[in-house]
Every structure is written in C-alpha cells, then in structure tokens.
Amino acid sequence: MKKTVFFLFFIVFTKVLLAQPVLSNQAKVSVLTVGPGSSLNDAFGHSAFRIQDTVNNIDLVFGYGEYNFNTPNFYLKFAKGQLNYLISKDNFDRFLAAYTYFDRTIKEQDLNFSQVEKQKLFNFLSENYKPENRAYLYEFFFDNCATKIRDVAIIASNDRIIFNTPENFKQKTFRNLIHDNLNKNSWGSLGIDLALGSVIDRKATPEEHMFLPENIYVFFENATFKNNKEPLVQESRTLYKQKNNPSSGAFILSPLFVFGILGFFILYITYKDHLAKKQTQWLDVALFVFTGITGVLVLLLWFATDHTGTHQNYNLLWAFALNLFMIPQLLKQKTPQWFIKYLKLLIILLCLLTLHWLIGVQVFAIGLIPFLIALFIRYLYLIKHFNKHKTHP
C-alpha cells in the first residue's frame, strides 16, 4: 500500500515538474513598473513580473491587474468591493508596445534571485495563471497589482527579503499618497475624497506604502536579503520614458470652479430672498435632495460594501441622509419648531466637519469648499426665515 501511494505521489510530482519548462542559467526575472496614465483607472501606474529566458525562447510578463467586463453583475460587484481581478500573462514585446503607444514610462529592475528562486517564481506564476487559480479578490490598498508583486517576491525568495526604509523617506497617510498621484482639484480626486473615509487618513506603515507601483520600485531598489545583505535589485533601467506630460484639464471644468459657481448662485438666491423676505423653495428642495442622496450613497459604501477604505466617512456631516425625509417641511407655510432645531443641528454638523478637517481626523475634497460655505449660510438664512413663520411644537 505504501509503495502504491509513493508511486502515485511520484507520478503526480513528476507531472507537475514537467508541466513547467525548466529555466536555463541564462534566465532573468525582473519587475516592471509602468508610470501613470491620463485616466483615473491608470493614474497610479502598474507593476508586473517579467520572465526572460533566451535559451527556452521565453519572454513573458505576468501582472495582477486584469478584470473581466463580462463578469455577471460587474458594476454591482465593483461597487460592493466583491469584484475578482485576474492574473494576466502576455508576451513582453506586446506589453512594451502597448504601454509605449499610450506614452507611459516603463522601468525594469532585474532581481538578484538564485536559479532555484527564479524557477520557483516562474512555477508560482504559471500555477497562478491556471483558470482555477487566476482570480483573486481585489482590494485597492492591501491586495492589488502592486502588493501582489511584493508578496509573490517574498514567497519566491522564502521570505528572505528585507524592505529597508529608503533614504529621505517621508511617512504619509493613504490619502496623501493618493493625492500625490492625482490633481486635488480634479473630479477623480473629488470622487475618492467623497467615497473614502477617515480610515485612510492614518499614516501608512513603510510596507503599506507599497500599494502604489512607484513605491514598489523605490522599496525594491533599497531592499536586501536577510542572510548576506546583498541587494535585491541587480540592475535597473528605463525601457521607455514618457514624452508628453498629461494635461491637468481646464480650470473652468474643475470641481473648484463648478462648485464655486454653484456656491455663488446659492448665495445670490439667498441674498435675493433676504431682500424680498421670502424662501425660494425649489432651491432648498434641490439642496436637501442632493445632500440626502449623497448621504445615502456614503452610508451604503460604509455599511453595505466590503470596501475597507469607505468606513468612518465623515462626509456624512454635510451629506446628511435624513434631509430626504425633511423635504415636506420645506414646503409648509408654517414651520414646526422642531424643524428649526433640525436646521440648527445641520449647522452644528458643518462646524464639526470643519473641526475634523482642521485637526486631521479626515481630509475632505477642496472642490467642495465653496459649496459647503454657501450651504452653511443658506441654513442660517432658513433658520432666520422660519423663525418668523414657525408654529408651536
């Protein structure tokens, strides 16, 4: 019986070994770092492994950033943080041509791996690429195309890599690291600042900085091996340098300008209402609908999804979901006293938002500043107006 089990094990083990080509002594393994692109989905760059062996005619790129638009309920799964990403495999020449065409910088770092480690890395990636193994649950900060490169390199080296802190390293929050790659006055940045909560306003540990491909490059450059202190990276080179800097877009289309115009419009209507001693009801209904629906979306991202970065989101201090239920009160001729107290609560919440921003609990989108100022003043006017038309509790 034991001989039979051993024989079966030997057959299976032999098939596994034969399934993957044995890399020659000329083989190289490297990490490719692709610079940011012009759209939001590629604003943070990309990382991948390259396996090159001229003897075996192998030149492949493995990356962990692919997803399938044909996935059932794709957008719902993406919104809920339940979308699986895939490991990809491509010919290096095609990989290089694609990113060169889109004018994105490509840098390469040859890893100082032993022959055994190179083979282990290649076997791991090939096994990972099998249909039953390709998918993994994507998480923007802790399990993405960059962190996978770090984690797989650690596995291939039997956990003997030390990621030393780079010279002139400055520890930053997750949000600051995002802002380093985005124009703060952009719609992408506004969406991120609106959707992600205070949990990303804590300082990331040095290792956590590697959720960004650019930091994979920096930390790999400074990494060494535990046993002999030799550098992880044997040689670095730039394969392609970006020729044109992406345009930041016209200011008149930016959030700060658009919300500035909106804020000015709200203040103008409020001033006209003050002179005429009246209330423009459609404006207040629009504001309560906008802040209420935004609040519902923020709550859903916090409590109804698996995203970790959307928790503890204090945008709820201005995007107050209960505003949706208060719309009928805006249309009454006589306002109950409790609704005036509710408006005072909204004022207090905006003050708390300002305090949270000042002391660093959470950083909010700068594009919202004109709107929030106008909203504060509009609430103050409504309190004054409704006090003249109130009913008893």
Protein backbone atom coordinates (compact mmCIF):
# COMPACT_ATOMS: atom_id res chain seq x y z
CA MET A 1 0.00 0.00 0.00
CA LYS A 2 2.77 2.43 0.95
CA LYS A 3 4.63 1.64 -2.29
CA THR A 4 1.47 2.35 -4.30
CA VAL A 5 0.91 5.71 -2.56
CA PHE A 6 4.57 6.65 -3.04
CA PHE A 7 4.40 5.69 -6.71
CA LEU A 8 1.26 7.76 -7.29
CA PHE A 9 2.83 10.71 -5.49
CA PHE A 10 5.95 10.38 -7.63
CA ILE A 11 3.87 10.34 -10.84
CA VAL A 12 1.90 13.43 -9.81
CA PHE A 13 5.03 15.27 -8.68
CA THR A 14 6.81 14.43 -11.93
CA LYS A 15 3.88 15.72 -13.98
CA VAL A 16 3.91 18.99 -12.05
CA LEU A 17 7.61 19.42 -12.71
CA LEU A 18 7.26 18.58 -16.37
CA ALA A 19 4.30 20.95 -16.75
CA GLN A 20 6.60 23.95 -16.48
CA PRO A 21 9.75 24.49 -18.55
CA VAL A 22 12.97 24.39 -16.59
CA LEU A 23 14.61 27.78 -16.85
CA SER A 24 18.17 27.87 -18.08
CA ASN A 25 21.08 29.53 -16.29
CA GLN A 26 20.62 32.45 -18.69
CA ALA A 27 17.14 33.20 -17.36
CA LYS A 28 16.35 36.58 -15.82
CA VAL A 29 13.46 37.66 -13.63
CA SER A 30 12.60 41.32 -13.24
CA VAL A 31 9.93 43.71 -12.02
CA LEU A 32 8.37 46.12 -14.50
CA THR A 33 6.97 49.41 -13.22
CA VAL A 34 4.66 51.33 -15.53
CA GLY A 35 4.11 55.03 -14.91
CA PRO A 36 0.70 56.66 -14.56
CA GLY A 37 -1.63 57.25 -17.49
CA SER A 38 -4.10 60.01 -18.26
CA SER A 39 -7.31 58.42 -16.95
CA LEU A 40 -8.36 57.71 -13.36
CA ASN A 41 -8.16 53.92 -13.65
CA ASP A 42 -4.48 54.07 -14.67
CA ALA A 43 -3.47 57.17 -12.67
CA PHE A 44 -1.48 55.09 -10.17
CA GLY A 45 0.58 53.04 -12.61
CA HIS A 46 1.05 49.29 -12.84
CA SER A 47 3.51 46.59 -11.74
CA ALA A 48 4.33 43.21 -13.27
CA PHE A 49 6.90 40.41 -13.36
CA ARG A 50 8.95 39.64 -16.44
CA ILE A 51 10.38 36.16 -17.01
CA GLN A 52 13.03 36.13 -19.74
CA ASP A 53 14.95 33.09 -20.97
CA THR A 54 16.51 33.28 -24.44
CA VAL A 55 17.57 29.62 -24.32
CA ASN A 56 13.94 28.47 -23.93
CA ASN A 57 12.56 31.29 -26.07
CA ILE A 58 10.57 32.67 -23.13
CA ASP A 59 9.82 36.36 -22.62
CA LEU A 60 6.60 36.69 -20.63
CA VAL A 61 5.00 39.32 -18.44
CA PHE A 62 2.74 38.37 -15.54
CA GLY A 63 0.60 41.03 -13.89
CA TYR A 64 -2.25 41.09 -11.38
CA GLY A 65 -4.33 43.97 -12.73
CA GLU A 66 -6.73 42.41 -15.22
CA TYR A 67 -10.51 42.19 -14.85
CA ASN A 68 -13.31 40.83 -16.98
CA PHE A 69 -16.10 43.21 -18.02
CA ASN A 70 -18.23 40.18 -18.87
CA THR A 71 -18.36 39.12 -15.24
CA PRO A 72 -22.02 38.81 -14.18
CA ASN A 73 -23.15 41.92 -12.26
CA PHE A 74 -19.75 43.51 -12.96
CA TYR A 75 -20.61 47.06 -11.81
CA LEU A 76 -22.55 45.91 -8.74
CA LYS A 77 -19.67 43.68 -7.64
CA PHE A 78 -17.21 46.52 -8.26
CA ALA A 79 -19.32 48.92 -6.16
CA LYS A 80 -19.67 46.36 -3.37
CA GLY A 81 -15.96 45.54 -3.32
CA GLN A 82 -16.61 41.95 -4.39
CA LEU A 83 -15.03 42.01 -7.85
CA ASN A 84 -12.38 39.43 -8.62
CA TYR A 85 -9.30 40.56 -10.50
CA LEU A 86 -7.18 38.21 -12.59
CA ILE A 87 -3.52 37.48 -13.12
CA SER A 88 -2.60 38.14 -16.74
CA LYS A 89 0.11 36.69 -18.98
CA ASP A 90 1.38 38.46 -22.07
CA ASN A 91 4.29 38.48 -24.47
CA PHE A 92 6.81 41.13 -23.43
CA ASP A 93 7.01 42.72 -26.88
CA ARG A 94 3.26 43.25 -26.93
CA PHE A 95 3.32 44.58 -23.37
CA LEU A 96 6.07 47.05 -24.26
CA ALA A 97 4.34 48.15 -27.46
CA ALA A 98 1.02 48.76 -25.69
CA TYR A 99 2.40 50.99 -22.94
CA THR A 100 4.74 52.75 -25.34
CA TYR A 101 1.76 53.53 -27.55
CA PHE A 102 -0.02 55.10 -24.57
CA ASP A 103 3.16 57.05 -23.73
CA ARG A 104 3.68 55.62 -20.26
CA THR A 105 7.11 55.31 -18.68
CA ILE A 106 8.36 51.73 -18.23
CA LYS A 107 11.18 50.86 -15.82
CA GLU A 108 12.74 47.46 -15.21
CA GLN A 109 14.57 46.02 -12.20
CA ASP A 110 16.49 42.75 -12.56
CA LEU A 111 16.09 40.70 -9.37
CA ASN A 112 19.15 39.11 -7.81
CA PHE A 113 17.44 35.74 -7.40
CA SER A 114 19.17 32.38 -7.33
CA GLN A 115 18.37 29.82 -10.02
CA VAL A 116 16.10 27.98 -7.58
CA GLU A 117 14.25 31.19 -6.73
CA LYS A 118 13.80 32.10 -10.38
CA GLN A 119 12.31 28.70 -11.10
CA LYS A 120 10.09 28.92 -8.03
CA LEU A 121 8.81 32.33 -9.13
CA PHE A 122 8.10 31.11 -12.65
CA ASN A 123 6.34 27.98 -11.37
CA PHE A 124 4.26 30.03 -8.93
CA LEU A 125 3.14 32.49 -11.59
CA SER A 126 2.37 29.74 -14.08
CA GLU A 127 0.35 27.86 -11.49
CA ASN A 128 -1.41 31.07 -10.54
CA TYR A 129 -2.36 31.63 -14.17
CA LYS A 130 -4.34 28.41 -14.42
CA PRO A 131 -8.09 29.11 -14.89
CA GLU A 132 -8.98 27.76 -11.45
CA ASN A 133 -6.35 29.95 -9.76
CA ARG A 134 -6.39 33.20 -11.76
CA ALA A 135 -8.97 35.14 -9.77
CA TYR A 136 -8.33 36.98 -6.52
CA LEU A 137 -10.46 39.41 -4.53
CA TYR A 138 -9.09 42.86 -5.31
CA GLU A 139 -8.58 45.40 -2.53
CA PHE A 140 -7.20 48.81 -3.50
CA PHE A 141 -4.86 49.35 -0.55
CA PHE A 142 -3.87 45.86 0.55
CA ASP A 143 -4.28 43.41 -2.32
CA ASN A 144 -3.73 44.97 -5.73
CA CYS A 145 -1.39 44.71 -8.72
CA ALA A 146 1.48 46.24 -6.73
CA THR A 147 1.13 44.45 -3.39
CA LYS A 148 0.93 41.15 -5.28
CA ILE A 149 4.40 41.79 -6.72
CA ARG A 150 5.78 42.32 -3.22
CA ASP A 151 4.02 39.28 -1.76
CA VAL A 152 4.94 36.90 -4.58
CA ALA A 153 8.58 38.03 -4.47
CA ILE A 154 8.62 37.24 -0.75
CA ILE A 155 7.18 33.76 -1.42
CA ALA A 156 9.67 33.02 -4.20
CA SER A 157 12.62 34.07 -2.01
CA ASN A 158 11.43 32.04 1.00
CA ASP A 159 10.80 35.24 2.95
CA ARG A 160 14.42 36.36 2.94
CA ILE A 161 13.83 39.90 1.59
CA ILE A 162 14.25 42.91 3.88
CA PHE A 163 12.50 46.05 2.66
CA ASN A 164 14.72 48.79 4.06
CA THR A 165 13.36 52.30 4.52
CA PRO A 166 14.53 54.42 1.56
CA GLU A 167 16.69 57.48 2.14
CA ASN A 168 14.66 60.68 2.66
CA PHE A 169 11.55 58.56 3.18
CA LYS A 170 8.59 60.54 4.48
CA GLN A 171 5.74 58.63 6.03
CA LYS A 172 2.38 59.73 4.65
CA THR A 173 -1.29 58.94 5.05
CA PHE A 174 -3.02 56.78 2.47
CA ARG A 175 -4.97 59.82 1.27
CA ASN A 176 -1.80 61.89 0.83
CA LEU A 177 -0.27 59.05 -1.17
CA ILE A 178 -3.33 59.09 -3.43
CA HIS A 179 -3.18 62.88 -3.77
CA ASP A 180 0.47 62.60 -4.83
CA ASN A 181 -0.80 60.87 -7.97
CA LEU A 182 -3.91 62.97 -8.60
CA ASN A 183 -4.67 66.64 -9.02
CA LYS A 184 -6.56 67.57 -5.84
CA ASN A 185 -8.82 69.79 -7.91
CA SER A 186 -9.97 67.00 -10.22
CA TRP A 187 -13.20 65.05 -10.42
CA GLY A 188 -11.36 61.82 -9.75
CA SER A 189 -9.85 63.22 -6.58
CA LEU A 190 -13.22 64.62 -5.50
CA GLY A 191 -14.87 61.23 -6.00
CA ILE A 192 -12.16 59.49 -3.97
CA ASP A 193 -12.32 62.07 -1.17
CA LEU A 194 -16.09 61.74 -1.11
CA ALA A 195 -16.20 57.93 -1.14
CA LEU A 196 -13.28 57.10 1.17
CA GLY A 197 -13.49 57.71 4.90
CA SER A 198 -11.24 58.76 7.73
CA VAL A 199 -9.64 55.30 7.88
CA ILE A 200 -7.34 56.35 5.02
CA ASP A 201 -6.22 59.46 6.90
CA ARG A 202 -3.93 57.44 9.15
CA LYS A 203 -0.26 57.19 8.30
CA ALA A 204 0.63 54.11 6.30
CA THR A 205 3.48 51.96 7.54
CA PRO A 206 6.53 51.87 5.26
CA GLU A 207 5.48 48.47 3.90
CA GLU A 208 1.92 49.71 3.31
CA HIS A 209 3.32 52.43 1.04
CA MET A 210 3.87 49.66 -1.47
CA PHE A 211 0.24 49.61 -2.56
CA LEU A 212 1.47 52.06 -5.21
CA PRO A 213 3.62 50.73 -8.09
CA GLU A 214 6.00 53.70 -7.84
CA ASN A 215 6.75 52.70 -4.24
CA ILE A 216 7.28 49.08 -5.25
CA TYR A 217 10.08 50.43 -7.45
CA VAL A 218 11.57 52.58 -4.66
CA PHE A 219 11.41 49.92 -1.95
CA PHE A 220 12.75 47.18 -4.23
CA GLU A 221 15.69 49.45 -5.09
CA ASN A 222 16.57 49.61 -1.38
CA ALA A 223 15.75 46.01 -0.44
CA THR A 224 18.39 43.49 0.64
CA PHE A 225 18.50 39.80 1.54
CA LYS A 226 18.49 38.75 5.18
CA ASN A 227 21.34 36.28 5.05
CA ASN A 228 24.03 38.13 3.11
CA LYS A 229 22.76 41.76 2.87
CA GLU A 230 23.11 41.65 -0.91
CA PRO A 231 20.78 43.97 -2.83
CA LEU A 232 17.53 42.55 -4.15
CA VAL A 233 17.87 44.50 -7.40
CA GLN A 234 20.85 43.59 -9.52
CA GLU A 235 20.36 46.23 -12.22
CA SER A 236 17.79 48.89 -13.09
CA ARG A 237 16.99 50.51 -16.41
CA THR A 238 14.38 52.67 -18.11
CA LEU A 239 12.87 50.93 -21.12
CA TYR A 240 10.72 53.86 -22.19
CA LYS A 241 10.42 57.45 -20.98
CA GLN A 242 7.14 59.33 -21.22
CA LYS A 243 7.38 62.07 -23.84
CA ASN A 244 4.33 64.19 -23.06
CA ASN A 245 3.07 65.27 -19.67
CA PRO A 246 -0.67 64.59 -19.29
CA SER A 247 -2.80 67.73 -19.26
CA SER A 248 -4.42 68.59 -15.93
CA GLY A 249 -7.54 69.92 -17.69
CA ALA A 250 -9.12 73.35 -17.89
CA PHE A 251 -9.80 75.09 -14.58
CA ILE A 252 -13.31 76.07 -15.70
CA LEU A 253 -14.19 72.37 -15.81
CA SER A 254 -12.68 71.59 -12.39
CA PRO A 255 -14.72 70.87 -9.23
CA LEU A 256 -13.50 74.03 -7.50
CA PHE A 257 -14.75 76.20 -10.35
CA VAL A 258 -18.05 74.34 -10.82
CA PHE A 259 -18.86 74.26 -7.11
CA GLY A 260 -17.65 77.85 -6.87
CA ILE A 261 -20.28 78.88 -9.43
CA LEU A 262 -22.87 76.77 -7.63
CA GLY A 263 -21.95 78.32 -4.28
CA PHE A 264 -22.14 81.82 -5.72
CA PHE A 265 -25.57 81.01 -7.18
CA ILE A 266 -26.82 79.77 -3.79
CA LEU A 267 -25.52 82.92 -2.08
CA TYR A 268 -27.09 85.12 -4.75
CA ILE A 269 -30.52 83.47 -4.33
CA THR A 270 -30.16 83.74 -0.56
CA TYR A 271 -29.37 87.44 -0.83
CA LYS A 272 -32.40 87.97 -3.09
CA ASP A 273 -34.58 86.03 -0.62
CA HIS A 274 -33.27 88.20 2.21
CA LEU A 275 -34.25 91.39 0.39
CA ALA A 276 -37.68 90.03 -0.54
CA LYS A 277 -38.19 88.33 2.84
CA LYS A 278 -39.15 85.05 1.17
CA GLN A 279 -37.95 81.49 0.60
CA THR A 280 -37.03 80.02 -2.78
CA GLN A 281 -38.43 76.58 -2.13
CA TRP A 282 -37.13 74.84 -5.23
CA LEU A 283 -33.54 75.72 -4.24
CA ASP A 284 -33.94 74.28 -0.75
CA VAL A 285 -35.62 71.15 -2.09
CA ALA A 286 -32.74 70.70 -4.56
CA LEU A 287 -30.16 71.13 -1.79
CA PHE A 288 -31.92 68.66 0.52
CA VAL A 289 -32.29 66.13 -2.33
CA PHE A 290 -28.60 66.45 -3.29
CA THR A 291 -27.22 66.26 0.25
CA GLY A 292 -29.68 63.48 1.18
CA ILE A 293 -28.95 61.24 -1.80
CA THR A 294 -25.21 61.79 -1.40
CA GLY A 295 -25.56 60.83 2.27
CA VAL A 296 -27.39 57.61 1.35
CA LEU A 297 -24.59 56.69 -1.09
CA VAL A 298 -21.94 57.36 1.57
CA LEU A 299 -23.85 55.18 4.05
CA LEU A 300 -24.16 52.37 1.51
CA LEU A 301 -20.43 52.49 0.77
CA TRP A 302 -19.74 52.34 4.51
CA PHE A 303 -22.17 49.65 5.62
CA ALA A 304 -23.29 47.74 2.51
CA THR A 305 -19.96 47.00 0.80
CA ASP A 306 -16.77 45.07 1.55
CA HIS A 307 -14.54 48.07 0.84
CA THR A 308 -12.29 48.82 3.82
CA GLY A 309 -11.44 52.37 2.80
CA THR A 310 -15.04 53.62 2.88
CA HIS A 311 -15.51 53.22 6.63
CA GLN A 312 -15.87 56.08 9.12
CA ASN A 313 -16.68 58.59 6.41
CA TYR A 314 -17.45 61.98 7.96
CA ASN A 315 -18.74 63.40 4.70
CA LEU A 316 -21.99 62.40 6.39
CA LEU A 317 -21.64 65.62 8.39
CA TRP A 318 -22.71 67.60 5.33
CA ALA A 319 -24.27 64.86 3.20
CA PHE A 320 -26.98 64.13 5.75
CA ALA A 321 -29.27 61.31 4.60
CA LEU A 322 -32.17 62.44 6.82
CA ASN A 323 -32.53 65.53 4.65
CA LEU A 324 -34.57 63.43 2.24
CA PHE A 325 -37.26 62.97 4.89
CA MET A 326 -37.31 66.66 5.72
CA ILE A 327 -38.26 67.90 2.25
CA PRO A 328 -42.01 68.21 3.09
CA GLN A 329 -41.16 70.64 5.91
CA LEU A 330 -39.58 72.99 3.38
CA LEU A 331 -42.92 73.35 1.59
CA LYS A 332 -45.09 74.23 4.58
CA GLN A 333 -46.43 77.73 5.22
CA LYS A 334 -45.93 77.31 8.96
CA THR A 335 -42.77 75.57 10.13
CA PRO A 336 -42.77 73.46 13.32
CA GLN A 337 -40.28 74.41 16.00
CA TRP A 338 -38.57 71.02 15.86
CA PHE A 339 -37.60 71.56 12.22
CA ILE A 340 -35.83 74.80 13.13
CA LYS A 341 -33.89 72.79 15.71
CA TYR A 342 -33.09 70.30 12.96
CA LEU A 343 -31.63 73.11 10.83
CA LYS A 344 -29.52 74.17 13.82
CA LEU A 345 -28.28 70.57 14.00
CA LEU A 346 -27.17 70.83 10.37
CA ILE A 347 -25.20 73.98 11.27
CA ILE A 348 -23.52 72.13 14.16
CA LEU A 349 -22.63 69.22 11.86
CA LEU A 350 -20.94 71.57 9.40
CA CYS A 351 -18.96 73.06 12.29
CA LEU A 352 -17.92 69.55 13.35
CA LEU A 353 -16.84 68.84 9.77
CA THR A 354 -14.60 71.92 9.86
CA LEU A 355 -13.13 70.76 13.18
CA HIS A 356 -12.49 67.26 11.83
CA TRP A 357 -10.69 68.81 8.86
CA LEU A 358 -8.58 71.19 10.95
CA ILE A 359 -7.36 68.56 13.43
CA GLY A 360 -6.73 65.98 10.71
CA VAL A 361 -9.38 63.39 11.52
CA GLN A 362 -10.41 63.42 7.86
CA VAL A 363 -9.40 65.44 4.83
CA PHE A 364 -12.27 66.49 2.55
CA ALA A 365 -12.38 67.46 -1.11
CA ILE A 366 -11.17 71.03 -1.67
CA GLY A 367 -13.60 71.35 -4.56
CA LEU A 368 -16.49 71.26 -2.09
CA ILE A 369 -15.33 74.29 -0.07
CA PRO A 370 -17.40 76.96 -1.92
CA PHE A 371 -20.50 74.74 -1.79
CA LEU A 372 -20.12 73.99 1.93
CA ILE A 373 -19.72 77.70 2.75
CA ALA A 374 -22.85 78.51 0.74
CA LEU A 375 -24.73 75.65 2.37
CA PHE A 376 -23.80 76.95 5.83
CA ILE A 377 -25.06 80.43 5.00
CA ARG A 378 -28.25 79.05 3.43
CA TYR A 379 -29.03 77.06 6.59
CA LEU A 380 -28.50 80.19 8.68
CA TYR A 381 -30.93 82.11 6.47
CA LEU A 382 -33.54 79.35 6.68
CA ILE A 383 -33.37 79.39 10.48
CA LYS A 384 -33.93 83.14 10.47
CA HIS A 385 -36.73 82.91 7.90
CA PHE A 386 -38.57 80.01 9.53
CA ASN A 387 -38.37 81.62 12.98
CA LYS A 388 -40.73 84.25 11.59
CA HIS A 389 -43.16 81.62 10.31
CA LYS A 390 -42.98 78.96 12.98
CA THR A 391 -45.77 77.15 14.73
CA HIS A 392 -45.74 75.84 18.27
CA PRO A 393 -44.18 72.40 18.80
